[in-house]
Amino acid sequence: MDKSEILTNLGILVAGIFAGLIAYFGKKPPAPPHHPDTIVAGVGMEPGNRLQMNQLIAETKRCADSLAVLADRKQASTEAKLDLVLQELAEAEEGDLEAKARRAPRSPQQRKPRTGG
């Protein structure tokens, strides 16, 4: 590489750095969002605001009541399933007890000794 190629590459590098810096710092910051003046906006809106708040409270109560009903139904369904499982377990236990009672108990003389081999 001779001197002219080195200087050309160096010039391109420096120009690229300057272009990047100008593009980076040349941007204007975004404008802040427009906020309406809450005092002026709220002066004439108070009766409507109260009405909306009362409606919101009423609707929220309706939603809460609906969720309570759904929760009660789910709990009743779960309790019914648990009762069914307990009933099935009790029936299975009674069946096991009846099966044991049907078997005649052996006397120690009737039992065969177990041998290990």
Protein backbone atom coordinates (compact mmCIF):
# COMPACT_ATOMS: atom_id res chain seq x y z
CA MET A 1 0.00 0.00 0.00
CA ASP A 2 1.30 3.38 -0.87
CA LYS A 3 0.73 6.72 0.85
CA SER A 4 -2.23 7.76 -1.26
CA GLU A 5 -4.26 4.63 -0.46
CA ILE A 6 -3.58 5.03 3.26
CA LEU A 7 -4.62 8.68 3.20
CA THR A 8 -7.75 7.85 1.18
CA ASN A 9 -8.82 5.11 3.60
CA LEU A 10 -8.07 7.35 6.57
CA GLY A 11 -10.11 10.18 5.02
CA ILE A 12 -13.05 7.83 4.43
CA LEU A 13 -12.83 6.62 8.03
CA VAL A 14 -12.72 10.17 9.46
CA ALA A 15 -15.58 11.28 7.17
CA GLY A 16 -17.67 8.31 8.30
CA ILE A 17 -17.05 9.13 11.96
CA PHE A 18 -18.01 12.79 11.42
CA ALA A 19 -21.15 11.81 9.49
CA GLY A 20 -22.17 9.46 12.29
CA LEU A 21 -21.60 12.08 14.98
CA ILE A 22 -23.57 14.70 13.04
CA ALA A 23 -26.45 12.26 12.48
CA TYR A 24 -26.43 11.23 16.16
CA PHE A 25 -26.26 14.69 17.72
CA GLY A 26 -28.24 16.40 14.98
CA LYS A 27 -31.51 14.73 16.00
CA LYS A 28 -33.93 16.88 17.93
CA PRO A 29 -35.36 15.32 21.06
CA PRO A 30 -39.00 14.29 20.68
CA ALA A 31 -41.54 16.88 21.68
CA PRO A 32 -43.10 16.24 25.08
CA PRO A 33 -46.65 14.92 24.87
CA HIS A 34 -49.39 17.49 25.09
CA HIS A 35 -51.03 17.48 28.51
CA PRO A 36 -54.34 19.24 28.82
CA ASP A 37 -54.66 21.55 31.76
CA THR A 38 -56.54 19.43 34.28
CA ILE A 39 -57.87 22.41 36.22
CA VAL A 40 -59.51 24.00 33.20
CA ALA A 41 -60.77 20.65 31.85
CA GLY A 42 -62.28 19.66 35.20
CA VAL A 43 -64.25 22.83 35.87
CA GLY A 44 -67.27 22.07 33.71
CA MET A 45 -67.04 18.27 33.87
CA GLU A 46 -67.77 17.58 37.55
CA PRO A 47 -71.46 16.52 37.25
CA GLY A 48 -70.60 14.22 34.35
CA ASN A 49 -67.61 12.90 36.21
CA ARG A 50 -69.75 11.98 39.23
CA LEU A 51 -72.27 10.25 37.03
CA GLN A 52 -69.54 8.28 35.30
CA MET A 53 -67.97 7.33 38.62
CA ASN A 54 -71.33 6.14 39.98
CA GLN A 55 -71.90 4.08 36.84
CA LEU A 56 -68.39 2.65 37.10
CA ILE A 57 -68.96 1.68 40.73
CA ALA A 58 -72.30 0.05 39.88
CA GLU A 59 -70.80 -1.95 37.00
CA THR A 60 -67.83 -2.99 39.13
CA LYS A 61 -70.20 -4.25 41.83
CA ARG A 62 -72.12 -6.24 39.22
CA CYS A 63 -68.86 -7.79 38.00
CA ALA A 64 -67.84 -8.64 41.57
CA ASP A 65 -71.24 -10.24 42.24
CA SER A 66 -70.98 -12.28 39.04
CA LEU A 67 -67.51 -13.47 39.99
CA ALA A 68 -68.75 -14.41 43.45
CA VAL A 69 -71.54 -16.51 41.93
CA LEU A 70 -69.07 -18.24 39.61
CA ALA A 71 -66.72 -18.93 42.50
CA ASP A 72 -69.58 -20.41 44.55
CA ARG A 73 -70.57 -22.67 41.66
CA LYS A 74 -67.01 -23.84 41.21
CA GLN A 75 -66.63 -24.50 44.92
CA ALA A 76 -69.93 -26.45 45.00
CA SER A 77 -68.80 -28.50 42.01
CA THR A 78 -65.47 -29.23 43.67
CA GLU A 79 -67.19 -30.24 46.92
CA ALA A 80 -69.55 -32.55 45.00
CA LYS A 81 -66.57 -34.22 43.30
CA LEU A 82 -64.80 -34.65 46.64
CA ASP A 83 -67.93 -36.17 48.18
CA LEU A 84 -68.14 -38.61 45.28
CA VAL A 85 -64.49 -39.61 45.72
CA LEU A 86 -64.98 -40.09 49.47
CA GLN A 87 -68.07 -42.21 48.83
CA GLU A 88 -66.17 -44.38 46.35
CA LEU A 89 -63.32 -44.81 48.84
CA ALA A 90 -65.76 -45.79 51.58
CA GLU A 91 -67.41 -48.35 49.27
CA ALA A 92 -64.01 -49.76 48.30
CA GLU A 93 -63.03 -50.04 51.96
CA GLU A 94 -66.30 -51.81 52.79
CA GLY A 95 -65.68 -54.20 49.90
CA ASP A 96 -62.22 -54.98 51.24
CA LEU A 97 -63.61 -55.61 54.72
CA GLU A 98 -66.33 -57.92 53.34
CA ALA A 99 -63.75 -59.84 51.32
CA LYS A 100 -61.61 -60.32 54.41
CA ALA A 101 -64.64 -61.44 56.43
CA ARG A 102 -65.59 -64.04 53.80
CA ARG A 103 -62.22 -65.66 54.01
CA ALA A 104 -62.16 -68.23 56.77
CA PRO A 105 -59.46 -67.54 59.28
CA ARG A 106 -56.86 -70.27 59.34
CA SER A 107 -55.68 -71.83 62.48
CA PRO A 108 -51.95 -71.88 63.09
CA GLN A 109 -51.89 -75.65 62.44
CA GLN A 110 -53.39 -75.24 58.97
CA ARG A 111 -50.83 -72.70 57.89
CA LYS A 112 -47.93 -74.05 55.93
CA PRO A 113 -44.52 -72.89 57.02
CA ARG A 114 -42.73 -70.87 54.42
CA THR A 115 -39.37 -72.08 53.40
CA GLY A 116 -36.75 -69.86 51.91
CA GLY A 117 -35.79 -72.02 49.00
